[in-house]
C-alpha atoms as a PDB file:
ATOM      1  CA  MET A   1     -47.110 -78.249  40.980  1.00  0.00           C
ATOM      2  CA  ALA A   2     -49.364 -75.215  40.646  1.00  0.00           C
ATOM      3  CA  TYR A   3     -47.504 -71.921  40.514  1.00  0.00           C
ATOM      4  CA  ILE A   4     -47.999 -68.164  40.333  1.00  0.00           C
ATOM      5  CA  LYS A   5     -46.560 -65.781  37.762  1.00  0.00           C
ATOM      6  CA  LEU A   6     -45.810 -62.217  38.811  1.00  0.00           C
ATOM      7  CA  ASN A   7     -45.730 -59.764  35.912  1.00  0.00           C
ATOM      8  CA  ILE A   8     -43.261 -57.149  37.115  1.00  0.00           C
ATOM      9  CA  ASP A   9     -43.766 -54.968  34.034  1.00  0.00           C
ATOM     10  CA  ASN A  10     -47.386 -54.589  35.155  1.00  0.00           C
ATOM     11  CA  PHE A  11     -46.309 -53.975  38.748  1.00  0.00           C
ATOM     12  CA  PHE A  12     -43.966 -51.159  37.731  1.00  0.00           C
ATOM     13  CA  HIS A  13     -46.647 -49.750  35.436  1.00  0.00           C
ATOM     14  CA  ASN A  14     -49.123 -49.573  38.336  1.00  0.00           C
ATOM     15  CA  LEU A  15     -46.611 -47.970  40.667  1.00  0.00           C
ATOM     16  CA  ASN A  16     -45.826 -45.378  38.027  1.00  0.00           C
ATOM     17  CA  GLN A  17     -49.515 -44.430  37.770  1.00  0.00           C
ATOM     18  CA  PHE A  18     -49.501 -43.571  41.464  1.00  0.00           C
ATOM     19  CA  ALA A  19     -46.132 -41.822  41.296  1.00  0.00           C
ATOM     20  CA  LEU A  20     -47.555 -39.568  38.589  1.00  0.00           C
ATOM     21  CA  LYS A  21     -50.601 -38.805  40.764  1.00  0.00           C
ATOM     22  CA  CYS A  22     -48.455 -37.980  43.797  1.00  0.00           C
ATOM     23  CA  GLY A  23     -45.650 -36.211  41.978  1.00  0.00           C
ATOM     24  CA  SER A  24     -42.891 -38.490  43.220  1.00  0.00           C
ATOM     25  CA  LYS A  25     -42.157 -42.181  43.778  1.00  0.00           C
ATOM     26  CA  GLU A  26     -40.564 -41.170  47.087  1.00  0.00           C
ATOM     27  CA  LYS A  27     -44.063 -40.478  48.443  1.00  0.00           C
ATOM     28  CA  LEU A  28     -45.222 -44.031  47.782  1.00  0.00           C
ATOM     29  CA  ALA A  29     -45.430 -46.567  50.597  1.00  0.00           C
ATOM     30  CA  ILE A  30     -46.059 -50.080  49.304  1.00  0.00           C
ATOM     31  CA  VAL A  31     -48.435 -52.118  51.458  1.00  0.00           C
ATOM     32  CA  LEU A  32     -47.006 -55.622  51.844  1.00  0.00           C
ATOM     33  CA  LYS A  33     -49.242 -57.036  54.563  1.00  0.00           C
ATOM     34  CA  ASP A  34     -50.591 -60.594  54.331  1.00  0.00           C
ATOM     35  CA  ASN A  35     -47.855 -61.862  52.030  1.00  0.00           C
ATOM     36  CA  ALA A  36     -48.139 -58.772  49.807  1.00  0.00           C
ATOM     37  CA  TYR A  37     -51.846 -59.422  49.223  1.00  0.00           C
ATOM     38  CA  GLY A  38     -50.935 -63.005  48.328  1.00  0.00           C
ATOM     39  CA  HIS A  39     -48.350 -62.025  45.723  1.00  0.00           C
ATOM     40  CA  GLY A  40     -45.278 -62.971  47.773  1.00  0.00           C
ATOM     41  CA  LEU A  41     -43.724 -60.823  50.497  1.00  0.00           C
ATOM     42  CA  LEU A  42     -40.049 -61.037  49.535  1.00  0.00           C
ATOM     43  CA  GLU A  43     -40.679 -61.080  45.795  1.00  0.00           C
ATOM     44  CA  ILE A  44     -42.758 -57.909  45.827  1.00  0.00           C
ATOM     45  CA  ALA A  45     -40.590 -56.152  48.435  1.00  0.00           C
ATOM     46  CA  SER A  46     -37.433 -56.616  46.382  1.00  0.00           C
ATOM     47  CA  LYS A  47     -39.074 -55.376  43.185  1.00  0.00           C
ATOM     48  CA  ALA A  48     -40.688 -52.392  44.914  1.00  0.00           C
ATOM     49  CA  SER A  49     -37.250 -51.433  46.194  1.00  0.00           C
ATOM     50  CA  GLU A  50     -35.847 -51.854  42.702  1.00  0.00           C
ATOM     51  CA  PHE A  51     -38.492 -49.426  41.418  1.00  0.00           C
ATOM     52  CA  GLY A  52     -37.280 -46.868  43.945  1.00  0.00           C
ATOM     53  CA  ILE A  53     -39.844 -47.121  46.728  1.00  0.00           C
ATOM     54  CA  GLN A  54     -38.343 -46.327  50.138  1.00  0.00           C
ATOM     55  CA  GLU A  55     -41.340 -46.892  52.415  1.00  0.00           C
ATOM     56  CA  ALA A  56     -43.227 -50.101  53.209  1.00  0.00           C
ATOM     57  CA  VAL A  57     -46.261 -51.022  55.292  1.00  0.00           C
ATOM     58  CA  VAL A  58     -46.779 -54.446  56.865  1.00  0.00           C
ATOM     59  CA  ARG A  59     -49.073 -56.040  59.409  1.00  0.00           C
ATOM     60  CA  THR A  60     -46.644 -57.702  61.826  1.00  0.00           C
ATOM     61  CA  TYR A  61     -43.194 -57.351  63.318  1.00  0.00           C
ATOM     62  CA  ASN A  62     -42.174 -60.651  61.738  1.00  0.00           C
ATOM     63  CA  GLU A  63     -43.094 -59.381  58.273  1.00  0.00           C
ATOM     64  CA  ALA A  64     -41.124 -56.205  58.933  1.00  0.00           C
ATOM     65  CA  LEU A  65     -37.973 -58.082  59.905  1.00  0.00           C
ATOM     66  CA  GLN A  66     -38.077 -59.996  56.625  1.00  0.00           C
ATOM     67  CA  ILE A  67     -38.277 -56.959  54.355  1.00  0.00           C
ATOM     68  CA  CYS A  68     -36.924 -53.940  56.255  1.00  0.00           C
ATOM     69  CA  LYS A  69     -33.530 -54.307  54.544  1.00  0.00           C
ATOM     70  CA  PHE A  70     -35.151 -53.183  51.299  1.00  0.00           C
ATOM     71  CA  PHE A  71     -36.578 -49.904  52.630  1.00  0.00           C
ATOM     72  CA  LYS A  72     -35.680 -46.718  54.445  1.00  0.00           C
ATOM     73  CA  ASN A  73     -38.608 -47.226  56.820  1.00  0.00           C
ATOM     74  CA  THR A  74     -41.245 -49.896  57.447  1.00  0.00           C
ATOM     75  CA  LEU A  75     -44.505 -49.136  59.229  1.00  0.00           C
ATOM     76  CA  ILE A  76     -46.059 -51.963  61.248  1.00  0.00           C
ATOM     77  CA  LEU A  77     -49.839 -51.623  61.393  1.00  0.00           C
ATOM     78  CA  ASN A  78     -50.977 -54.121  63.994  1.00  0.00           C
ATOM     79  CA  ASP A  79     -48.491 -55.520  66.450  1.00  0.00           C
ATOM     80  CA  LYS A  80     -48.381 -55.291  70.233  1.00  0.00           C
ATOM     81  CA  ALA A  81     -44.593 -55.474  70.381  1.00  0.00           C
ATOM     82  CA  PHE A  82     -42.779 -52.132  70.246  1.00  0.00           C
ATOM     83  CA  PRO A  83     -39.061 -52.904  70.230  1.00  0.00           C
ATOM     84  CA  THR A  84     -36.795 -49.984  69.374  1.00  0.00           C
ATOM     85  CA  HIS A  85     -35.526 -50.220  65.810  1.00  0.00           C
ATOM     86  CA  GLN A  86     -34.261 -47.291  63.766  1.00  0.00           C
ATOM     87  CA  ASN A  87     -35.840 -48.504  60.522  1.00  0.00           C
ATOM     88  CA  LEU A  88     -39.235 -49.472  61.942  1.00  0.00           C
ATOM     89  CA  SER A  89     -42.194 -47.427  63.113  1.00  0.00           C
ATOM     90  CA  PHE A  90     -45.239 -48.792  64.905  1.00  0.00           C
ATOM     91  CA  ALA A  91     -48.850 -47.730  64.472  1.00  0.00           C
ATOM     92  CA  ILE A  92     -50.521 -46.914  67.780  1.00  0.00           C
ATOM     93  CA  ASN A  93     -54.263 -47.524  67.734  1.00  0.00           C
ATOM     94  CA  SER A  94     -55.296 -46.912  71.345  1.00  0.00           C
ATOM     95  CA  MET A  95     -54.372 -45.262  74.622  1.00  0.00           C
ATOM     96  CA  ASP A  96     -53.233 -48.647  75.923  1.00  0.00           C
ATOM     97  CA  GLY A  97     -50.920 -48.881  72.926  1.00  0.00           C
ATOM     98  CA  ILE A  98     -49.190 -45.685  74.000  1.00  0.00           C
ATOM     99  CA  LYS A  99     -48.920 -46.914  77.601  1.00  0.00           C
ATOM    100  CA  ASN A 100     -47.414 -50.242  76.530  1.00  0.00           C
ATOM    101  CA  ALA A 101     -44.900 -48.823  74.053  1.00  0.00           C
ATOM    102  CA  HIS A 102     -41.227 -49.178  74.893  1.00  0.00           C
ATOM    103  CA  LEU A 103     -39.262 -46.072  75.820  1.00  0.00           C
ATOM    104  CA  GLY A 104     -37.838 -44.444  72.686  1.00  0.00           C
ATOM    105  CA  SER A 105     -40.011 -46.377  70.231  1.00  0.00           C
ATOM    106  CA  ILE A 106     -40.746 -44.725  66.905  1.00  0.00           C
ATOM    107  CA  VAL A 107     -44.522 -44.542  66.588  1.00  0.00           C
ATOM    108  CA  GLU A 108     -47.219 -43.319  64.215  1.00  0.00           C
ATOM    109  CA  LEU A 109     -50.495 -42.348  65.838  1.00  0.00           C
ATOM    110  CA  LYS A 110     -53.653 -43.564  64.141  1.00  0.00           C
ATOM    111  CA  VAL A 111     -56.666 -41.310  64.640  1.00  0.00           C
ATOM    112  CA  ASP A 112     -60.256 -42.420  64.115  1.00  0.00           C
ATOM    113  CA  THR A 113     -61.783 -39.846  61.768  1.00  0.00           C
ATOM    114  CA  GLY A 114     -64.952 -41.835  61.104  1.00  0.00           C
ATOM    115  CA  MET A 115     -64.251 -45.476  60.315  1.00  0.00           C
ATOM    116  CA  HIS A 116     -64.762 -46.483  63.975  1.00  0.00           C
ATOM    117  CA  ARG A 117     -62.647 -49.612  63.684  1.00  0.00           C
ATOM    118  CA  SER A 118     -59.405 -48.607  65.391  1.00  0.00           C
ATOM    119  CA  GLY A 119     -57.490 -45.483  66.287  1.00  0.00           C
ATOM    120  CA  ILE A 120     -57.539 -42.745  68.916  1.00  0.00           C
ATOM    121  CA  GLU A 121     -60.812 -40.827  69.017  1.00  0.00           C
ATOM    122  CA  MET A 122     -60.451 -37.198  67.982  1.00  0.00           C
ATOM    123  CA  LYS A 123     -61.703 -36.009  71.372  1.00  0.00           C
ATOM    124  CA  ASP A 124     -58.818 -37.884  73.033  1.00  0.00           C
ATOM    125  CA  LEU A 125     -56.105 -36.582  70.722  1.00  0.00           C
ATOM    126  CA  ASP A 126     -54.720 -33.967  73.143  1.00  0.00           C
ATOM    127  CA  GLU A 127     -54.436 -36.552  75.912  1.00  0.00           C
ATOM    128  CA  ALA A 128     -52.803 -39.060  73.571  1.00  0.00           C
ATOM    129  CA  LEU A 129     -50.188 -36.580  72.402  1.00  0.00           C
ATOM    130  CA  GLU A 130     -49.398 -35.535  75.973  1.00  0.00           C
ATOM    131  CA  LEU A 131     -48.932 -39.191  76.924  1.00  0.00           C
ATOM    132  CA  ILE A 132     -46.603 -39.716  73.947  1.00  0.00           C
ATOM    133  CA  ILE A 133     -44.447 -36.883  75.281  1.00  0.00           C
ATOM    134  CA  GLU A 134     -44.583 -38.289  78.817  1.00  0.00           C
ATOM    135  CA  LYS A 135     -43.567 -41.762  77.586  1.00  0.00           C
ATOM    136  CA  LYS A 136     -40.687 -40.217  75.569  1.00  0.00           C
ATOM    137  CA  LEU A 137     -41.883 -41.814  72.355  1.00  0.00           C
ATOM    138  CA  ILE A 138     -40.716 -40.523  68.984  1.00  0.00           C
ATOM    139  CA  LEU A 139     -43.772 -39.430  66.998  1.00  0.00           C
ATOM    140  CA  LYS A 140     -42.877 -40.049  63.373  1.00  0.00           C
ATOM    141  CA  GLY A 141     -46.340 -39.802  61.861  1.00  0.00           C
ATOM    142  CA  VAL A 142     -50.060 -39.272  62.293  1.00  0.00           C
ATOM    143  CA  MET A 143     -52.436 -41.282  60.138  1.00  0.00           C
ATOM    144  CA  THR A 144     -56.038 -42.267  59.517  1.00  0.00           C
ATOM    145  CA  HIS A 145     -57.947 -44.644  57.248  1.00  0.00           C
ATOM    146  CA  PHE A 146     -60.969 -44.000  55.021  1.00  0.00           C
ATOM    147  CA  ARG A 147     -64.017 -46.227  55.222  1.00  0.00           C
ATOM    148  CA  SER A 148     -65.711 -45.410  51.887  1.00  0.00           C
ATOM    149  CA  ALA A 149     -63.074 -44.044  49.524  1.00  0.00           C
ATOM    150  CA  ASP A 150     -64.017 -46.599  46.871  1.00  0.00           C
ATOM    151  CA  GLU A 151     -67.760 -45.915  47.037  1.00  0.00           C
ATOM    152  CA  LEU A 152     -69.989 -43.358  45.366  1.00  0.00           C
ATOM    153  CA  SER A 153     -70.536 -41.128  48.389  1.00  0.00           C
ATOM    154  CA  SER A 154     -69.289 -37.928  50.003  1.00  0.00           C
ATOM    155  CA  GLU A 155     -68.032 -39.670  53.152  1.00  0.00           C
ATOM    156  CA  LEU A 156     -64.448 -39.449  51.923  1.00  0.00           C
ATOM    157  CA  PHE A 157     -64.584 -35.648  52.031  1.00  0.00           C
ATOM    158  CA  TRP A 158     -66.088 -35.695  55.525  1.00  0.00           C
ATOM    159  CA  GLN A 159     -63.191 -37.807  56.806  1.00  0.00           C
ATOM    160  CA  GLN A 160     -60.656 -35.668  54.974  1.00  0.00           C
ATOM    161  CA  LYS A 161     -62.070 -32.611  56.717  1.00  0.00           C
ATOM    162  CA  ASN A 162     -61.767 -34.362  60.077  1.00  0.00           C
ATOM    163  CA  PHE A 163     -58.167 -35.284  59.339  1.00  0.00           C
ATOM    164  CA  GLN A 164     -57.398 -31.679  58.463  1.00  0.00           C
ATOM    165  CA  ILE A 165     -58.596 -30.750  61.958  1.00  0.00           C
ATOM    166  CA  VAL A 166     -56.308 -33.453  63.368  1.00  0.00           C
ATOM    167  CA  LYS A 167     -53.323 -32.028  61.483  1.00  0.00           C
ATOM    168  CA  GLU A 168     -53.947 -28.564  62.869  1.00  0.00           C
ATOM    169  CA  MET A 169     -54.275 -29.884  66.420  1.00  0.00           C
ATOM    170  CA  VAL A 170     -50.960 -31.753  66.160  1.00  0.00           C
ATOM    171  CA  LYS A 171     -49.143 -28.717  64.779  1.00  0.00           C
ATOM    172  CA  ASN A 172     -50.672 -26.376  67.362  1.00  0.00           C
ATOM    173  CA  LEU A 173     -49.295 -28.568  70.127  1.00  0.00           C
ATOM    174  CA  GLY A 174     -45.789 -27.925  68.832  1.00  0.00           C
ATOM    175  CA  PHE A 175     -45.005 -31.238  67.116  1.00  0.00           C
ATOM    176  CA  GLU A 176     -42.565 -30.786  64.241  1.00  0.00           C
ATOM    177  CA  ASN A 177     -41.187 -33.117  61.569  1.00  0.00           C
ATOM    178  CA  VAL A 178     -44.295 -35.290  61.797  1.00  0.00           C
ATOM    179  CA  ARG A 179     -45.532 -36.872  58.589  1.00  0.00           C
ATOM    180  CA  PHE A 180     -49.241 -37.062  57.827  1.00  0.00           C
ATOM    181  CA  HIS A 181     -50.823 -39.787  55.713  1.00  0.00           C
ATOM    182  CA  SER A 182     -54.381 -40.869  55.040  1.00  0.00           C
ATOM    183  CA  GLN A 183     -54.519 -41.699  51.357  1.00  0.00           C
ATOM    184  CA  ASN A 184     -55.023 -45.259  50.118  1.00  0.00           C
ATOM    185  CA  SER A 185     -55.271 -46.538  46.533  1.00  0.00           C
ATOM    186  CA  ALA A 186     -58.898 -45.527  46.037  1.00  0.00           C
ATOM    187  CA  SER A 187     -58.667 -42.014  47.483  1.00  0.00           C
ATOM    188  CA  THR A 188     -55.473 -41.307  45.545  1.00  0.00           C
ATOM    189  CA  LEU A 189     -57.058 -42.310  42.253  1.00  0.00           C
ATOM    190  CA  ARG A 190     -60.300 -40.531  43.041  1.00  0.00           C
ATOM    191  CA  CYS A 191     -58.947 -37.153  44.163  1.00  0.00           C
ATOM    192  CA  GLY A 192     -57.374 -34.605  41.878  1.00  0.00           C
ATOM    193  CA  GLY A 193     -54.536 -33.327  44.041  1.00  0.00           C
ATOM    194  CA  PHE A 194     -52.117 -34.760  46.581  1.00  0.00           C
ATOM    195  CA  ASP A 195     -50.851 -32.685  49.499  1.00  0.00           C
ATOM    196  CA  GLU A 196     -49.715 -35.217  52.120  1.00  0.00           C
ATOM    197  CA  ASP A 197     -46.334 -36.683  52.938  1.00  0.00           C
ATOM    198  CA  LEU A 198     -47.099 -40.284  52.054  1.00  0.00           C
ATOM    199  CA  VAL A 199     -49.641 -42.460  50.280  1.00  0.00           C
ATOM    200  CA  ARG A 200     -50.203 -46.069  51.313  1.00  0.00           C
ATOM    201  CA  ILE A 201     -50.644 -48.022  48.069  1.00  0.00           C
ATOM    202  CA  GLY A 202     -52.215 -51.445  48.552  1.00  0.00           C
ATOM    203  CA  ILE A 203     -54.564 -53.115  46.087  1.00  0.00           C
ATOM    204  CA  GLY A 204     -53.859 -50.537  43.371  1.00  0.00           C
ATOM    205  CA  ALA A 205     -50.218 -51.588  43.177  1.00  0.00           C
ATOM    206  CA  TYR A 206     -51.335 -55.105  42.348  1.00  0.00           C
ATOM    207  CA  GLY A 207     -53.573 -53.963  39.516  1.00  0.00           C
ATOM    208  CA  TYR A 208     -57.051 -53.425  40.907  1.00  0.00           C
ATOM    209  CA  SER A 209     -59.406 -50.535  41.508  1.00  0.00           C
ATOM    210  CA  HIS A 210     -62.840 -51.045  43.027  1.00  0.00           C
ATOM    211  CA  LEU A 211     -63.968 -47.514  42.300  1.00  0.00           C
ATOM    212  CA  PRO A 212     -67.301 -47.082  40.475  1.00  0.00           C
ATOM    213  CA  PHE A 213     -66.902 -46.710  36.725  1.00  0.00           C
ATOM    214  CA  CYS A 214     -67.991 -43.059  36.833  1.00  0.00           C
ATOM    215  CA  TYR A 215     -64.651 -42.132  38.414  1.00  0.00           C
ATOM    216  CA  GLY A 216     -62.832 -43.196  35.251  1.00  0.00           C
ATOM    217  CA  ASP A 217     -60.417 -45.838  33.987  1.00  0.00           C
ATOM    218  CA  TYR A 218     -57.059 -45.795  35.736  1.00  0.00           C
ATOM    219  CA  ASP A 219     -55.243 -48.248  33.455  1.00  0.00           C
ATOM    220  CA  LEU A 220     -54.133 -50.597  36.210  1.00  0.00           C
ATOM    221  CA  LYS A 221     -52.850 -54.018  35.186  1.00  0.00           C
ATOM    222  CA  PRO A 222     -53.122 -57.241  37.240  1.00  0.00           C
ATOM    223  CA  VAL A 223     -49.754 -58.506  38.438  1.00  0.00           C
ATOM    224  CA  LEU A 224     -50.659 -62.061  39.484  1.00  0.00           C
ATOM    225  CA  SER A 225     -51.767 -65.024  37.413  1.00  0.00           C
ATOM    226  CA  LEU A 226     -52.420 -68.493  38.836  1.00  0.00           C
ATOM    227  CA  TRP A 227     -51.392 -71.598  36.844  1.00  0.00           C
ATOM    228  CA  ALA A 228     -51.868 -75.342  37.310  1.00  0.00           C
ATOM    229  CA  LYS A 229     -50.161 -78.358  35.767  1.00  0.00           C
ATOM    230  CA  LYS A 230     -51.740 -81.531  34.440  1.00  0.00           C
ATOM    231  CA  THR A 231     -51.562 -84.604  36.638  1.00  0.00           C
ATOM    232  CA  SER A 232     -53.534 -87.065  34.479  1.00  0.00           C
ATOM    233  CA  SER A 233     -55.932 -87.396  31.511  1.00  0.00           C
ATOM    234  CA  ARG A 234     -58.791 -89.759  30.701  1.00  0.00           C
ATOM    235  CA  LEU A 235     -61.482 -90.278  28.094  1.00  0.00           C
ATOM    236  CA  LEU A 236     -64.988 -89.927  29.490  1.00  0.00           C
ATOM    237  CA  LYS A 237     -67.885 -91.730  27.887  1.00  0.00           C
ATOM    238  CA  LYS A 238     -71.213 -90.009  27.488  1.00  0.00           C
ATOM    239  CA  SER A 239     -73.139 -89.891  30.826  1.00  0.00           C
ATOM    240  CA  GLN A 240     -70.097 -90.691  32.964  1.00  0.00           C
ATOM    241  CA  ARG A 241     -69.757 -88.439  35.995  1.00  0.00           C
ATOM    242  CA  VAL A 242     -66.799 -86.548  37.411  1.00  0.00           C
ATOM    243  CA  GLY A 243     -65.585 -85.929  40.950  1.00  0.00           C
ATOM    244  CA  TYR A 244     -67.163 -85.698  44.390  1.00  0.00           C
ATOM    245  CA  GLY A 245     -70.925 -85.818  44.377  1.00  0.00           C
ATOM    246  CA  ALA A 246     -70.882 -86.775  40.691  1.00  0.00           C
ATOM    247  CA  GLU A 247     -71.954 -83.199  39.943  1.00  0.00           C
ATOM    248  CA  PHE A 248     -70.792 -83.133  36.316  1.00  0.00           C
ATOM    249  CA  ILE A 249     -72.333 -85.497  33.756  1.00  0.00           C
ATOM    250  CA  ALA A 250     -70.511 -85.798  30.438  1.00  0.00           C
ATOM    251  CA  PRO A 251     -72.918 -84.754  27.645  1.00  0.00           C
ATOM    252  CA  LYS A 252     -70.767 -86.582  25.107  1.00  0.00           C
ATOM    253  CA  GLU A 253     -67.540 -88.542  24.825  1.00  0.00           C
ATOM    254  CA  MET A 254     -64.820 -86.116  25.916  1.00  0.00           C
ATOM    255  CA  LEU A 255     -61.159 -85.963  26.888  1.00  0.00           C
ATOM    256  CA  VAL A 256     -60.621 -84.441  30.341  1.00  0.00           C
ATOM    257  CA  SER A 257     -57.614 -83.797  32.545  1.00  0.00           C
ATOM    258  CA  SER A 258     -56.960 -83.185  36.209  1.00  0.00           C
ATOM    259  CA  TYR A 259     -54.839 -80.207  37.322  1.00  0.00           C
ATOM    260  CA  ASP A 260     -53.025 -79.650  40.601  1.00  0.00           C
ATOM    261  CA  ILE A 261     -54.948 -76.801  42.206  1.00  0.00           C
ATOM    262  CA  GLY A 262     -57.751 -76.816  44.762  1.00  0.00           C
ATOM    263  CA  TYR A 263     -59.094 -75.301  47.941  1.00  0.00           C
ATOM    264  CA  GLY A 264     -56.114 -76.726  49.824  1.00  0.00           C
ATOM    265  CA  ASP A 265     -54.059 -74.190  47.889  1.00  0.00           C
ATOM    266  CA  GLY A 266     -56.414 -71.345  48.743  1.00  0.00           C
ATOM    267  CA  PHE A 267     -58.452 -71.478  45.542  1.00  0.00           C
ATOM    268  CA  ARG A 268     -62.139 -71.278  46.427  1.00  0.00           C
ATOM    269  CA  ARG A 269     -64.388 -74.342  46.229  1.00  0.00           C
ATOM    270  CA  GLY A 270     -67.498 -72.482  45.196  1.00  0.00           C
ATOM    271  CA  ASP A 271     -70.736 -73.975  43.889  1.00  0.00           C
ATOM    272  CA  ALA A 272     -70.330 -76.660  41.228  1.00  0.00           C
ATOM    273  CA  SER A 273     -73.760 -75.863  39.785  1.00  0.00           C
ATOM    274  CA  LYS A 274     -72.384 -72.493  38.643  1.00  0.00           C
ATOM    275  CA  SER A 275     -69.709 -73.273  36.081  1.00  0.00           C
ATOM    276  CA  LEU A 276     -66.501 -71.327  36.625  1.00  0.00           C
ATOM    277  CA  VAL A 277     -64.892 -70.155  33.393  1.00  0.00           C
ATOM    278  CA  LEU A 278     -61.091 -70.118  33.477  1.00  0.00           C
ATOM    279  CA  ALA A 279     -58.774 -67.657  31.748  1.00  0.00           C
ATOM    280  CA  ASN A 280     -58.581 -69.902  28.670  1.00  0.00           C
ATOM    281  CA  GLY A 281     -62.377 -69.953  28.305  1.00  0.00           C
ATOM    282  CA  LYS A 282     -62.798 -73.538  29.526  1.00  0.00           C
ATOM    283  CA  LYS A 283     -64.908 -74.511  32.528  1.00  0.00           C
ATOM    284  CA  ILE A 284     -64.136 -76.445  35.680  1.00  0.00           C
ATOM    285  CA  LEU A 285     -66.097 -79.695  35.474  1.00  0.00           C
ATOM    286  CA  GLY A 286     -67.846 -80.612  38.728  1.00  0.00           C
ATOM    287  CA  ARG A 287     -66.545 -79.741  42.157  1.00  0.00           C
ATOM    288  CA  VAL A 288     -63.202 -78.235  43.054  1.00  0.00           C
ATOM    289  CA  SER A 289     -61.372 -80.789  45.209  1.00  0.00           C
ATOM    290  CA  MET A 290     -58.824 -80.082  47.912  1.00  0.00           C
ATOM    291  CA  ASP A 291     -55.897 -80.520  45.518  1.00  0.00           C
ATOM    292  CA  LEU A 292     -57.389 -80.991  42.030  1.00  0.00           C
ATOM    293  CA  ILE A 293     -59.786 -79.659  39.425  1.00  0.00           C
ATOM    294  CA  THR A 294     -60.999 -81.304  36.211  1.00  0.00           C
ATOM    295  CA  VAL A 295     -61.096 -79.480  32.874  1.00  0.00           C
ATOM    296  CA  GLU A 296     -61.843 -80.588  29.321  1.00  0.00           C
ATOM    297  CA  GLY A 297     -58.728 -81.062  27.142  1.00  0.00           C
ATOM    298  CA  ASP A 298     -55.194 -82.210  27.788  1.00  0.00           C
ATOM    299  CA  ASP A 299     -53.043 -79.073  27.912  1.00  0.00           C
ATOM    300  CA  ASP A 300     -49.899 -79.592  29.973  1.00  0.00           C
ATOM    301  CA  GLU A 301     -50.716 -76.502  32.023  1.00  0.00           C
ATOM    302  CA  ILE A 302     -53.571 -74.003  32.208  1.00  0.00           C
ATOM    303  CA  CYS A 303     -54.081 -70.487  33.541  1.00  0.00           C
ATOM    304  CA  ILE A 304     -56.703 -70.552  36.268  1.00  0.00           C
ATOM    305  CA  PHE A 305     -57.053 -66.771  36.361  1.00  0.00           C
ATOM    306  CA  ASP A 306     -55.055 -63.724  35.322  1.00  0.00           C
ATOM    307  CA  ASP A 307     -57.499 -61.135  36.646  1.00  0.00           C
ATOM    308  CA  ALA A 308     -58.609 -61.642  40.254  1.00  0.00           C
ATOM    309  CA  HIS A 309     -61.386 -59.069  39.902  1.00  0.00           C
ATOM    310  CA  LYS A 310     -63.124 -61.048  37.166  1.00  0.00           C
ATOM    311  CA  ILE A 311     -62.978 -64.370  38.962  1.00  0.00           C
ATOM    312  CA  ALA A 312     -63.973 -62.722  42.259  1.00  0.00           C
ATOM    313  CA  GLN A 313     -67.252 -61.642  40.659  1.00  0.00           C
ATOM    314  CA  HIS A 314     -68.087 -65.321  40.065  1.00  0.00           C
ATOM    315  CA  PHE A 315     -67.695 -66.028  43.776  1.00  0.00           C
ATOM    316  CA  GLY A 316     -69.454 -62.858  44.906  1.00  0.00           C
ATOM    317  CA  THR A 317     -66.355 -61.455  46.577  1.00  0.00           C
ATOM    318  CA  ILE A 318     -63.509 -59.034  45.842  1.00  0.00           C
ATOM    319  CA  SER A 319     -60.040 -59.329  44.325  1.00  0.00           C
ATOM    320  CA  TYR A 320     -58.378 -58.929  47.747  1.00  0.00           C
ATOM    321  CA  GLU A 321     -59.864 -62.197  48.968  1.00  0.00           C
ATOM    322  CA  MET A 322     -58.965 -64.154  45.833  1.00  0.00           C
ATOM    323  CA  THR A 323     -55.278 -63.241  46.052  1.00  0.00           C
ATOM    324  CA  THR A 324     -54.720 -63.151  49.825  1.00  0.00           C
ATOM    325  CA  GLN A 325     -56.161 -66.653  50.235  1.00  0.00           C
ATOM    326  CA  LEU A 326     -53.567 -68.217  47.922  1.00  0.00           C
ATOM    327  CA  SER A 327     -51.208 -70.434  49.878  1.00  0.00           C
ATOM    328  CA  PRO A 328     -47.752 -68.967  50.561  1.00  0.00           C
ATOM    329  CA  THR A 329     -46.301 -72.381  49.681  1.00  0.00           C
ATOM    330  CA  ILE A 330     -47.271 -71.971  46.008  1.00  0.00           C
ATOM    331  CA  GLN A 331     -44.154 -71.073  44.046  1.00  0.00           C
ATOM    332  CA  ARG A 332     -44.040 -67.450  42.872  1.00  0.00           C
ATOM    333  CA  ILE A 333     -42.172 -66.906  39.601  1.00  0.00           C
ATOM    334  CA  ILE A 334     -41.127 -63.394  38.603  1.00  0.00           C
ATOM    335  CA  ILE A 335     -41.707 -62.614  34.956  1.00  0.00           C
ATOM    336  CA  ASP A 336     -40.092 -59.336  33.939  1.00  0.00           C
ATOM    337  CA  GLU A 337     -41.730 -59.332  30.539  1.00  0.00           C
ATOM    338  CA  ILE A 338     -44.721 -61.220  29.119  1.00  0.00           C
END
């Protein structure tokens, strides 16, 4: 069966780059939503804990319950349930979220500083904070999210200025022991200093930066590589065709093999007229099937990709999509040293 290798040396290397930027690994919160960006929720959570990370970020309550044992605190970004749990905090994105929160819940208020996707509007911040007090919620943190941190623009600084106003408003209303966090992978790499309580490290932890080249090289290393195993081999005669639609025509007599990976496993189908080059330099012949691809040669196993950014460029997408789409049923194998 197809499988995934997780290079933990690379993972620790990436985390260390961010720890150096922030001044401490204790300020790192590893984002584990959507099966740890496709890398494996439990596998990555356990290794992040081993590195010394104490904070995690997930999407759902179910994800949190699976990994909260590894961390001091886990922040849930998008869940309508607010059960009281001493090791969990819940992001509140709206006034209704505050109203629906359970008495005594630990919450982190998200403020919309310019992304306009979710979060309390800045003009409603006073009302939101008053309602948090009225509902007897425990305000653990105040947060925001940047819309263009990885783009060549000044919008990041505009949102940072807005968030500074938010911080002052919260403090002026008498809230103490509240943590503030806005930084993601891109903004942390891009900015020179770090003066917040926490940084939410997502795609950067897994080895990718989508910042323009002018911002520099951050020496991040991909953690995930996707592998497939041979299911069969055959000798094609010249002009014989391969696969659905007979898209590939053999230009000569050639030995080809089928390998157990396809769009049923979350690997993209793509356009067969644009040959996809694999990590070993060979091309997929014809269409990607639901469970199989065909490649010249008869290696027992082949690496489909070891750099999601490179293969994402072929499909006109980004590394996030290539890794998060990989089926959670594919076996993840931890490799401590490669």
